[in-house]
């Protein structure tokens, strides 16, 4: 969110910036993944493309299966995530772990059709989860839903609608109201003088994982970079503290030196995620 650039245009519109979906969602279409290249780069996996047809969109995804998998991770990337561009980074993050991966392009992004809205992105995430647990190759394994940044809203929403084997909230926030106040606090003095308040409106209002964590009934891992200046570690700390699960069922990983985009590239994440997968126990059958 380029607050400082937008602030300069607000002199004539008052001292409140009302944040709408159009300020957040920027769909970018592209081709699907080069599956043959993924297979060559990561031979432990067998990649398979899939499409999920829903009434007003066609969602594109890639399943990456490996013979030693003890769980499946359904991954929702942040705003702008596209499989063709970003899959290699995600696969590298998980490549040393015994898990299948399922990646999906948000509607309107990458090779998925449709027009994105916050409500539709949340509903799509549940549809994708239901599709994953219905797959014969995946249904016998625990399914962990991992969301990064905007994707953490989607992952949290799935957890509020379904009982998961595990949940990973990476670089997440409490509410959009808290988040926009934080972003304003980081702006130069002149921008804060122009914009006294930042107010999420419409479907952005009240979004986040503050309400989600109070009702979690599955193990959860909060992961954040100590140097994250977009979704500050304080958000993950507060969510961890408010989560009523016992200590054995919740984990907070704050990685020194890691930024908003680099947590999963660290040894600390891989070691913590391996322990998280091991804690899930025997494979179980999940249902919607």
Protein backbone atom coordinates (compact mmCIF):
# COMPACT_ATOMS: atom_id res chain seq x y z
CA UNK A 1 0.00 0.00 0.00
CA UNK A 2 1.79 3.14 -1.23
CA UNK A 3 0.42 5.45 1.44
CA UNK A 4 2.84 8.34 0.96
CA UNK A 5 2.08 8.63 -2.76
CA UNK A 6 -1.66 8.57 -2.22
CA UNK A 7 -1.51 11.04 0.67
CA UNK A 8 -0.35 13.81 -1.67
CA UNK A 9 -3.65 13.58 -3.54
CA UNK A 10 -5.79 13.93 -0.43
CA UNK A 11 -5.46 17.65 0.25
CA UNK A 12 -8.73 18.38 -1.53
CA UNK A 13 -10.61 15.39 -0.10
CA UNK A 14 -10.15 15.95 3.63
CA UNK A 15 -8.16 14.33 6.39
CA UNK A 16 -9.59 10.80 6.22
CA UNK A 17 -8.41 8.23 3.71
CA UNK A 18 -11.14 5.69 3.14
CA UNK A 19 -9.49 2.47 1.99
CA UNK A 20 -11.49 0.39 -0.44
CA UNK A 21 -10.93 -2.88 -2.29
CA UNK A 22 -9.65 -0.95 -5.31
CA UNK A 23 -6.75 0.30 -3.15
CA UNK A 24 -5.79 -3.25 -2.19
CA UNK A 25 -6.63 -5.69 -4.98
CA UNK A 26 -4.73 -5.39 -8.26
CA UNK A 27 -5.46 -8.47 -10.44
CA UNK A 28 -2.69 -9.51 -12.79
CA UNK A 29 -3.37 -12.18 -15.38
CA UNK A 30 -0.65 -14.49 -16.69
CA UNK A 31 -0.14 -17.95 -18.09
CA UNK A 32 -0.07 -21.01 -15.90
CA UNK A 33 3.04 -22.69 -14.57
CA UNK A 34 5.65 -24.43 -16.69
CA UNK A 35 5.00 -27.85 -15.19
CA UNK A 36 7.85 -29.53 -17.04
CA UNK A 37 10.30 -26.95 -15.67
CA UNK A 38 8.99 -27.48 -12.13
CA UNK A 39 9.42 -31.23 -12.52
CA UNK A 40 13.02 -30.78 -13.67
CA UNK A 41 13.87 -28.30 -10.93
CA UNK A 42 12.22 -30.30 -8.14
CA UNK A 43 12.31 -33.98 -9.11
CA UNK A 44 11.03 -35.13 -5.70
CA UNK A 45 7.62 -33.78 -6.72
CA UNK A 46 5.16 -34.86 -9.39
CA UNK A 47 3.31 -31.67 -10.42
CA UNK A 48 -0.26 -31.83 -11.70
CA UNK A 49 -2.29 -28.88 -12.92
CA UNK A 50 -5.97 -28.63 -12.04
CA UNK A 51 -8.88 -26.29 -12.65
CA UNK A 52 -11.78 -25.68 -10.32
CA UNK A 53 -14.87 -24.39 -12.12
CA UNK A 54 -17.17 -22.31 -9.96
CA UNK A 55 -20.19 -20.25 -11.05
CA UNK A 56 -18.36 -17.00 -11.87
CA UNK A 57 -14.70 -18.00 -12.18
CA UNK A 58 -12.31 -20.78 -13.12
CA UNK A 59 -9.55 -21.23 -10.56
CA UNK A 60 -6.16 -22.56 -11.62
CA UNK A 61 -3.92 -24.58 -9.36
CA UNK A 62 -1.00 -26.98 -9.21
CA UNK A 63 -0.73 -30.03 -6.97
CA UNK A 64 2.82 -31.17 -6.20
CA UNK A 65 2.86 -34.72 -4.89
CA UNK A 66 5.77 -36.59 -3.33
CA UNK A 67 5.95 -40.24 -2.24
CA UNK A 68 7.20 -39.55 1.29
CA UNK A 69 4.49 -37.00 2.14
CA UNK A 70 3.12 -37.10 5.68
CA UNK A 71 0.79 -34.12 5.17
CA UNK A 72 -0.49 -31.78 2.50
CA UNK A 73 -0.04 -28.01 2.65
CA UNK A 74 -2.63 -25.88 0.87
CA UNK A 75 -0.89 -22.55 0.32
CA UNK A 76 -2.58 -19.19 -0.24
CA UNK A 77 -0.09 -16.52 -1.28
CA UNK A 78 -0.21 -12.81 -0.65
CA UNK A 79 -1.62 -10.09 -2.88
CA UNK A 80 -0.09 -10.48 -6.32
CA UNK A 81 0.91 -14.13 -5.84
CA UNK A 82 0.97 -15.99 -9.14
CA UNK A 83 2.03 -19.59 -9.54
CA UNK A 84 3.94 -18.98 -12.77
CA UNK A 85 6.06 -16.31 -11.07
CA UNK A 86 6.20 -17.42 -7.43
CA UNK A 87 5.84 -21.21 -7.30
CA UNK A 88 9.58 -21.88 -7.23
CA UNK A 89 10.04 -19.80 -4.06
CA UNK A 90 7.20 -21.65 -2.34
CA UNK A 91 8.49 -25.05 -3.41
CA UNK A 92 12.00 -24.20 -2.25
CA UNK A 93 10.61 -23.23 1.16
CA UNK A 94 8.93 -26.61 1.53
CA UNK A 95 11.22 -28.76 -0.60
CA UNK A 96 13.07 -30.36 2.32
CA UNK A 97 9.86 -31.18 4.19
CA UNK A 98 7.77 -34.35 3.69
CA UNK A 99 4.62 -32.61 2.48
CA UNK A 100 2.59 -32.37 -0.67
CA UNK A 101 1.92 -28.82 -1.84
CA UNK A 102 -1.20 -27.35 -3.40
CA UNK A 103 -0.84 -23.89 -4.92
CA UNK A 104 -3.65 -21.80 -6.37
CA UNK A 105 -3.94 -18.51 -8.25
CA UNK A 106 -6.46 -16.14 -6.67
CA UNK A 107 -9.34 -15.25 -8.96
CA UNK A 108 -8.26 -12.59 -11.43
CA UNK A 109 -4.60 -13.37 -10.80
CA UNK A 110 -2.32 -15.61 -12.83
CA UNK A 111 -4.25 -18.20 -14.82
CA UNK A 112 -7.46 -17.93 -12.77
CA UNK A 113 -10.36 -16.06 -14.31
CA UNK A 114 -12.91 -13.88 -12.54
CA UNK A 115 -12.92 -10.52 -10.83
CA UNK A 116 -11.49 -10.48 -7.30
CA UNK A 117 -13.35 -9.14 -4.29
CA UNK A 118 -12.62 -9.82 -0.63
CA UNK A 119 -15.84 -11.77 -0.16
CA UNK A 120 -15.19 -13.89 -3.24
CA UNK A 121 -11.57 -14.58 -2.27
CA UNK A 122 -12.72 -15.87 1.11
CA UNK A 123 -15.41 -18.07 -0.44
CA UNK A 124 -12.97 -19.37 -3.07
CA UNK A 125 -10.52 -20.42 -0.35
CA UNK A 126 -13.15 -22.69 1.21
CA UNK A 127 -14.03 -24.12 -2.20
CA UNK A 128 -10.38 -24.93 -2.89
CA UNK A 129 -9.98 -26.56 0.53
CA UNK A 130 -13.05 -28.75 -0.09
CA UNK A 131 -11.62 -29.70 -3.49
CA UNK A 132 -8.29 -30.67 -1.92
CA UNK A 133 -9.73 -32.93 0.77
CA UNK A 134 -11.91 -34.63 -1.82
CA UNK A 135 -8.86 -35.62 -3.90
CA UNK A 136 -8.12 -39.33 -3.54
CA UNK A 137 -4.35 -38.73 -3.54
CA UNK A 138 -4.65 -36.29 -0.63
CA UNK A 139 -7.66 -37.27 1.45
CA UNK A 140 -5.81 -39.72 3.72
CA UNK A 141 -3.24 -37.14 4.82
CA UNK A 142 -3.60 -34.26 7.28
CA UNK A 143 -4.25 -31.01 5.41
CA UNK A 144 -2.57 -27.86 6.70
CA UNK A 145 -3.72 -24.50 5.35
CA UNK A 146 -0.96 -21.89 5.10
CA UNK A 147 -1.69 -18.27 4.25
CA UNK A 148 0.76 -15.43 3.76
CA UNK A 149 -0.28 -11.77 4.18
CA UNK A 150 -3.58 -11.37 2.26
CA UNK A 151 -3.57 -15.16 1.99
CA UNK A 152 -3.58 -15.36 5.80
CA UNK A 153 -7.05 -13.78 5.75
CA UNK A 154 -8.13 -16.57 3.41
CA UNK A 155 -6.49 -19.30 5.50
CA UNK A 156 -8.08 -17.93 8.66
CA UNK A 157 -11.47 -17.86 6.97
CA UNK A 158 -11.12 -21.51 5.97
CA UNK A 159 -10.33 -22.35 9.60
CA UNK A 160 -13.47 -20.51 10.68
CA UNK A 161 -15.58 -22.58 8.27
CA UNK A 162 -13.87 -25.97 8.49
CA UNK A 163 -11.89 -28.01 11.04
CA UNK A 164 -8.34 -28.31 9.75
CA UNK A 165 -5.45 -30.55 10.67
CA UNK A 166 -3.36 -27.41 11.14
CA UNK A 167 -3.19 -23.72 10.30
CA UNK A 168 -0.20 -21.50 9.44
CA UNK A 169 -0.73 -17.73 9.59
CA UNK A 170 2.31 -16.00 8.13
CA UNK A 171 2.72 -12.21 8.24
CA UNK A 172 -0.87 -11.73 9.36
CA UNK A 173 -2.74 -8.97 11.18
CA UNK A 174 -5.40 -8.59 13.84
CA UNK A 175 -7.80 -6.34 11.90
CA UNK A 176 -7.60 -4.10 8.87
CA UNK A 177 -8.30 -1.16 11.19
CA UNK A 178 -5.23 -1.97 13.31
CA UNK A 179 -3.18 -2.57 10.18
CA UNK A 180 -4.04 0.71 8.44
CA UNK A 181 -3.35 2.64 11.66
CA UNK A 182 0.05 0.97 11.79
CA UNK A 183 0.81 1.85 8.16
CA UNK A 184 -0.13 5.47 8.80
CA UNK A 185 2.16 5.56 11.83
CA UNK A 186 5.12 4.69 9.60
CA UNK A 187 4.60 7.58 7.18
CA UNK A 188 6.58 10.86 7.19
CA UNK A 189 5.21 13.75 9.24
CA UNK A 190 3.81 15.59 6.24
CA UNK A 191 1.74 12.57 5.16
CA UNK A 192 0.34 12.15 8.67
CA UNK A 193 -0.48 15.86 8.73
CA UNK A 194 -2.52 15.44 5.56
CA UNK A 195 -4.21 12.20 6.62
CA UNK A 196 -5.33 12.03 10.22
CA UNK A 197 -7.28 8.79 9.92
CA UNK A 198 -7.24 5.76 7.66
CA UNK A 199 -10.56 3.92 7.60
CA UNK A 200 -11.16 0.58 5.84
CA UNK A 201 -14.60 0.61 4.26
CA UNK A 202 -17.07 -1.89 2.86
CA UNK A 203 -15.85 -5.46 2.72
CA UNK A 204 -12.42 -4.44 4.09
CA UNK A 205 -13.86 -3.31 7.43
CA UNK A 206 -13.19 -5.72 10.26
CA UNK A 207 -11.17 -8.17 8.17
CA UNK A 208 -8.29 -10.02 9.77
CA UNK A 209 -7.72 -12.87 12.16
CA UNK A 210 -8.63 -11.33 15.52
CA UNK A 211 -12.02 -13.03 15.59
CA UNK A 212 -10.70 -16.22 14.02
CA UNK A 213 -8.10 -17.07 16.66
CA UNK A 214 -10.59 -16.96 19.53
CA UNK A 215 -12.43 -19.95 18.08
CA UNK A 216 -9.58 -22.07 16.71
CA UNK A 217 -9.75 -25.78 17.45
CA UNK A 218 -6.74 -26.87 15.40
CA UNK A 219 -3.00 -26.44 15.96
CA UNK A 220 -1.76 -23.08 14.73
CA UNK A 221 1.64 -21.67 13.81
CA UNK A 222 2.09 -17.89 13.67
CA UNK A 223 5.17 -16.98 11.59
CA UNK A 224 6.53 -13.48 11.09
CA UNK A 225 9.79 -11.72 10.36
CA UNK A 226 11.22 -9.55 13.12
CA UNK A 227 12.06 -6.98 10.43
CA UNK A 228 8.61 -7.04 8.81
CA UNK A 229 7.57 -3.43 8.22
CA UNK A 230 4.31 -4.31 6.43
CA UNK A 231 2.62 -6.62 8.94
CA UNK A 232 4.57 -5.94 12.11
CA UNK A 233 5.44 -8.76 14.54
CA UNK A 234 3.20 -7.13 17.16
CA UNK A 235 0.15 -8.38 15.24
CA UNK A 236 1.27 -12.02 15.38
CA UNK A 237 2.26 -11.68 19.03
CA UNK A 238 -1.14 -10.34 19.97
CA UNK A 239 -2.96 -13.08 18.05
CA UNK A 240 -0.78 -15.70 19.70
CA UNK A 241 -1.53 -14.28 23.14
CA UNK A 242 -5.28 -14.11 22.48
CA UNK A 243 -5.50 -17.62 21.03
CA UNK A 244 -7.06 -19.79 23.77
CA UNK A 245 -5.46 -23.04 22.63
CA UNK A 246 -3.10 -24.75 25.08
CA UNK A 247 0.61 -24.05 24.73
CA UNK A 248 1.14 -27.41 23.05
CA UNK A 249 -1.25 -26.44 20.23
CA UNK A 250 0.04 -22.98 19.32
CA UNK A 251 3.45 -21.73 18.21
CA UNK A 252 4.86 -18.26 17.58
CA UNK A 253 7.88 -18.08 15.27
CA UNK A 254 9.49 -14.66 15.00
CA UNK A 255 12.54 -14.88 12.75
CA UNK A 256 15.34 -12.41 13.44
CA UNK A 257 16.28 -10.38 10.37
CA UNK A 258 13.46 -11.74 8.22
CA UNK A 259 11.22 -9.36 6.28
CA UNK A 260 7.63 -9.56 5.07
CA UNK A 261 8.63 -11.84 2.20
CA UNK A 262 11.48 -13.92 3.57
CA UNK A 263 10.24 -15.89 6.60
CA UNK A 264 9.71 -19.16 4.75
CA UNK A 265 13.20 -18.99 3.22
CA UNK A 266 14.85 -19.46 6.61
CA UNK A 267 16.17 -22.51 8.42
CA UNK A 268 14.09 -21.49 11.42
CA UNK A 269 10.88 -21.82 9.44
CA UNK A 270 11.79 -25.20 7.97
CA UNK A 271 12.75 -26.62 11.37
CA UNK A 272 9.61 -25.25 13.01
CA UNK A 273 7.38 -26.45 10.20
CA UNK A 274 8.87 -29.94 10.39
CA UNK A 275 8.05 -30.10 14.11
CA UNK A 276 4.57 -28.79 13.32
CA UNK A 277 3.97 -31.54 10.76
CA UNK A 278 5.33 -34.18 13.13
CA UNK A 279 2.92 -33.00 15.82
CA UNK A 280 -0.09 -33.73 13.64
CA UNK A 281 0.24 -37.44 14.29
CA UNK A 282 -1.36 -40.14 12.19
CA UNK A 283 -3.15 -39.32 8.96
CA UNK A 284 -6.84 -38.54 9.42
CA UNK A 285 -9.88 -38.27 7.21
CA UNK A 286 -11.24 -34.73 7.08
CA UNK A 287 -14.63 -33.66 5.77
CA UNK A 288 -16.35 -30.39 4.97
